[in-house]
Amino acid sequence: KLVTIPEKKMAVMTFRWYRTDARVLSKKQELLDVIKKDAVEVLGEPQYAGYNAPWTPPWMIRNEVLIEIA
């Protein structure tokens, strides 16, 4: 089912290779540290997004951590 969601402004950090829970947690913290350093207001918790099929070679895998900002 496709639904339309309201427009949001997001801060995003992209990373490659396999996703592990520890790596995602580390990247979320890294994104929060950058946002805090730049004094940007955060509106929620960081999220993970992955875009590739399981058979994608690791150097081609695209992952993102993102968080809504004001």
C-alpha atoms as a PDB file:
ATOM      1  CA  LYS A   1       0.000   0.000   0.000  1.00  0.00           C
ATOM      2  CA  LEU A   2       1.385   3.402  -0.947  1.00  0.00           C
ATOM      3  CA  VAL A   3       0.555   6.444   1.132  1.00  0.00           C
ATOM      4  CA  THR A   4       1.550  10.098   0.889  1.00  0.00           C
ATOM      5  CA  ILE A   5       3.314  11.493   3.936  1.00  0.00           C
ATOM      6  CA  PRO A   6       3.900  15.164   4.721  1.00  0.00           C
ATOM      7  CA  GLU A   7       7.172  16.720   3.623  1.00  0.00           C
ATOM      8  CA  LYS A   8       9.983  16.620   6.207  1.00  0.00           C
ATOM      9  CA  LYS A   9      13.491  18.026   6.451  1.00  0.00           C
ATOM     10  CA  MET A  10      15.998  15.288   7.225  1.00  0.00           C
ATOM     11  CA  ALA A  11      19.694  15.105   8.067  1.00  0.00           C
ATOM     12  CA  VAL A  12      21.180  12.016   6.406  1.00  0.00           C
ATOM     13  CA  MET A  13      24.474  10.139   6.586  1.00  0.00           C
ATOM     14  CA  THR A  14      25.226   7.495   3.946  1.00  0.00           C
ATOM     15  CA  PHE A  15      27.524   4.530   4.485  1.00  0.00           C
ATOM     16  CA  ARG A  16      28.522   1.426   2.541  1.00  0.00           C
ATOM     17  CA  TRP A  17      29.191  -2.261   3.252  1.00  0.00           C
ATOM     18  CA  TYR A  18      27.227  -4.684   5.369  1.00  0.00           C
ATOM     19  CA  ARG A  19      24.866  -3.444   8.049  1.00  0.00           C
ATOM     20  CA  THR A  20      25.354  -4.746  11.555  1.00  0.00           C
ATOM     21  CA  ASP A  21      23.474  -3.554  14.620  1.00  0.00           C
ATOM     22  CA  ALA A  22      26.709  -2.188  16.088  1.00  0.00           C
ATOM     23  CA  ARG A  23      27.606  -0.344  12.888  1.00  0.00           C
ATOM     24  CA  VAL A  24      24.146   1.208  12.548  1.00  0.00           C
ATOM     25  CA  LEU A  25      24.237   2.305  16.196  1.00  0.00           C
ATOM     26  CA  SER A  26      27.690   3.830  15.650  1.00  0.00           C
ATOM     27  CA  LYS A  27      26.535   5.715  12.523  1.00  0.00           C
ATOM     28  CA  LYS A  28      23.426   7.001  14.320  1.00  0.00           C
ATOM     29  CA  GLN A  29      25.625   8.359  17.110  1.00  0.00           C
ATOM     30  CA  GLU A  30      28.015   9.900  14.566  1.00  0.00           C
ATOM     31  CA  LEU A  31      25.075  11.668  12.871  1.00  0.00           C
ATOM     32  CA  LEU A  32      23.793  12.959  16.226  1.00  0.00           C
ATOM     33  CA  ASP A  33      27.283  14.242  17.100  1.00  0.00           C
ATOM     34  CA  VAL A  34      27.527  16.201  13.831  1.00  0.00           C
ATOM     35  CA  ILE A  35      24.056  17.667  14.284  1.00  0.00           C
ATOM     36  CA  LYS A  36      24.819  18.655  17.886  1.00  0.00           C
ATOM     37  CA  LYS A  37      28.102  20.275  16.808  1.00  0.00           C
ATOM     38  CA  ASP A  38      26.197  22.376  14.260  1.00  0.00           C
ATOM     39  CA  ALA A  39      23.466  23.256  16.811  1.00  0.00           C
ATOM     40  CA  VAL A  40      20.634  21.878  14.666  1.00  0.00           C
ATOM     41  CA  GLU A  41      17.320  21.111  16.391  1.00  0.00           C
ATOM     42  CA  VAL A  42      16.372  17.414  16.237  1.00  0.00           C
ATOM     43  CA  LEU A  43      12.729  16.300  15.977  1.00  0.00           C
ATOM     44  CA  GLY A  44      12.816  12.606  16.817  1.00  0.00           C
ATOM     45  CA  GLU A  45      15.087   9.606  16.904  1.00  0.00           C
ATOM     46  CA  PRO A  46      17.567   8.441  14.250  1.00  0.00           C
ATOM     47  CA  GLN A  47      16.329   5.786  11.821  1.00  0.00           C
ATOM     48  CA  TYR A  48      18.053   3.306   9.525  1.00  0.00           C
ATOM     49  CA  ALA A  49      17.271   2.867   5.813  1.00  0.00           C
ATOM     50  CA  GLY A  50      18.685   0.150   3.565  1.00  0.00           C
ATOM     51  CA  TYR A  51      18.082  -0.093  -0.160  1.00  0.00           C
ATOM     52  CA  ASN A  52      19.715  -3.204  -1.597  1.00  0.00           C
ATOM     53  CA  ALA A  53      18.868  -6.835  -2.165  1.00  0.00           C
ATOM     54  CA  PRO A  54      20.650  -9.400   0.036  1.00  0.00           C
ATOM     55  CA  TRP A  55      22.836 -10.593  -2.876  1.00  0.00           C
ATOM     56  CA  THR A  56      24.277  -7.115  -3.591  1.00  0.00           C
ATOM     57  CA  PRO A  57      28.100  -7.055  -3.371  1.00  0.00           C
ATOM     58  CA  PRO A  58      29.153  -5.321  -0.140  1.00  0.00           C
ATOM     59  CA  TRP A  59      30.995  -2.473  -1.870  1.00  0.00           C
ATOM     60  CA  MET A  60      27.753  -1.566  -3.686  1.00  0.00           C
ATOM     61  CA  ILE A  61      25.451  -1.656  -0.659  1.00  0.00           C
ATOM     62  CA  ARG A  62      23.926   1.706   0.234  1.00  0.00           C
ATOM     63  CA  ASN A  63      22.769   2.352   3.809  1.00  0.00           C
ATOM     64  CA  GLU A  64      21.615   5.551   5.462  1.00  0.00           C
ATOM     65  CA  VAL A  65      20.897   6.819   8.928  1.00  0.00           C
ATOM     66  CA  LEU A  66      18.524   9.746   9.048  1.00  0.00           C
ATOM     67  CA  ILE A  67      16.787  12.007  11.500  1.00  0.00           C
ATOM     68  CA  GLU A  68      14.157  14.696  11.170  1.00  0.00           C
ATOM     69  CA  ILE A  69      15.425  18.218  11.888  1.00  0.00           C
ATOM     70  CA  ALA A  70      13.765  21.614  12.309  1.00  0.00           C
END
